[in-house]
Amino acid sequence: MAIEEDQIIGHGLSAQRFDELLTYQSGDLTAEPMGEEPSEEELQAFDSVVFEAECIDSEQDWFSDRKGGYDITYHRADEGDQ
């Protein structure tokens, strides 16, 4: 997902506040929420930014999935192979 700072600012949020709101959206119990609890308007702005974000489809970005630089060889196991 790619979100530009201009998109965040365009919805009345700062990049720092967006990061704080993100901690309130997380279902991860290990993350401590940062900043003040969000208002309804901030949550709506947050949702708008996320819904307008450009998502990269893994089918289109297949090259970045293989950043390890290693080769993979496949072997078909026939009957009798151990």
Protein backbone atom coordinates (compact mmCIF):
# COMPACT_ATOMS: atom_id res chain seq x y z
CA MET A 1 0.00 0.00 0.00
CA ALA A 2 1.38 3.39 -0.92
CA ILE A 3 0.17 6.51 0.86
CA GLU A 4 1.68 9.89 0.11
CA GLU A 5 1.93 12.53 2.82
CA ASP A 6 -0.06 14.93 0.61
CA GLN A 7 -2.99 12.48 0.68
CA ILE A 8 -2.93 12.44 4.48
CA ILE A 9 -2.70 16.22 4.74
CA GLY A 10 -5.50 16.57 2.19
CA HIS A 11 -7.83 14.85 4.66
CA GLY A 12 -6.91 17.19 7.51
CA LEU A 13 -4.44 14.90 9.28
CA SER A 14 -0.71 15.19 9.86
CA ALA A 15 1.59 12.27 9.07
CA GLN A 16 2.33 11.93 12.79
CA ARG A 17 -1.37 11.87 13.70
CA PHE A 18 -2.00 9.30 10.96
CA ASP A 19 0.66 7.07 12.55
CA GLU A 20 -1.02 7.53 15.94
CA LEU A 21 -4.43 6.63 14.49
CA LEU A 22 -2.90 3.53 12.94
CA THR A 23 -2.00 2.23 16.39
CA TYR A 24 -5.67 2.45 17.38
CA GLN A 25 -6.69 0.44 14.29
CA SER A 26 -4.31 -2.41 14.97
CA GLY A 27 -5.71 -5.61 16.40
CA ASP A 28 -2.20 -6.35 17.64
CA LEU A 29 -2.36 -6.47 21.42
CA THR A 30 1.38 -5.87 21.74
CA ALA A 31 1.16 -2.35 20.27
CA GLU A 32 0.41 0.46 22.70
CA PRO A 33 -1.93 3.08 21.26
CA MET A 34 -0.11 6.38 20.78
CA GLY A 35 -1.50 9.88 21.25
CA GLU A 36 -4.99 10.87 22.23
CA GLU A 37 -7.95 8.64 21.48
CA PRO A 38 -9.25 9.49 17.99
CA SER A 39 -12.40 11.49 17.39
CA GLU A 40 -15.10 10.29 15.00
CA GLU A 41 -13.95 12.87 12.40
CA GLU A 42 -10.35 11.62 12.63
CA LEU A 43 -11.46 8.02 12.19
CA GLN A 44 -13.46 8.98 9.11
CA ALA A 45 -10.46 10.87 7.69
CA PHE A 46 -8.22 7.87 8.44
CA ASP A 47 -10.62 5.51 6.66
CA SER A 48 -10.80 7.83 3.66
CA VAL A 49 -7.02 7.94 3.33
CA VAL A 50 -6.74 4.15 3.57
CA PHE A 51 -9.56 3.51 1.10
CA GLU A 52 -8.02 5.91 -1.43
CA ALA A 53 -4.53 4.44 -1.09
CA GLU A 54 -2.95 2.77 -4.08
CA CYS A 55 -2.62 -0.95 -3.49
CA ILE A 56 0.01 -2.97 -5.32
CA ASP A 57 -1.20 -6.34 -6.53
CA SER A 58 1.33 -9.08 -5.87
CA GLU A 59 0.66 -10.44 -9.38
CA GLN A 60 1.86 -7.10 -10.79
CA ASP A 61 4.76 -6.75 -8.38
CA TRP A 62 6.03 -10.33 -8.51
CA PHE A 63 9.67 -9.29 -8.86
CA SER A 64 9.78 -7.65 -5.43
CA ASP A 65 8.58 -10.89 -3.83
CA ARG A 66 11.89 -12.48 -4.81
CA LYS A 67 14.41 -10.14 -3.25
CA GLY A 68 16.53 -12.97 -1.87
CA GLY A 69 18.45 -13.43 -5.12
CA TYR A 70 18.46 -17.19 -4.90
CA ASP A 71 17.58 -19.77 -7.54
CA ILE A 72 14.95 -22.39 -6.98
CA THR A 73 14.94 -25.70 -8.77
CA TYR A 74 12.00 -28.04 -8.83
CA HIS A 75 12.08 -31.80 -8.95
CA ARG A 76 9.03 -33.88 -9.64
CA ALA A 77 8.96 -36.91 -7.43
CA ASP A 78 8.03 -40.02 -9.41
CA GLU A 79 6.74 -43.18 -7.88
CA GLY A 80 9.55 -45.05 -6.20
CA ASP A 81 11.60 -41.91 -5.42
CA GLN A 82 12.48 -41.55 -1.78
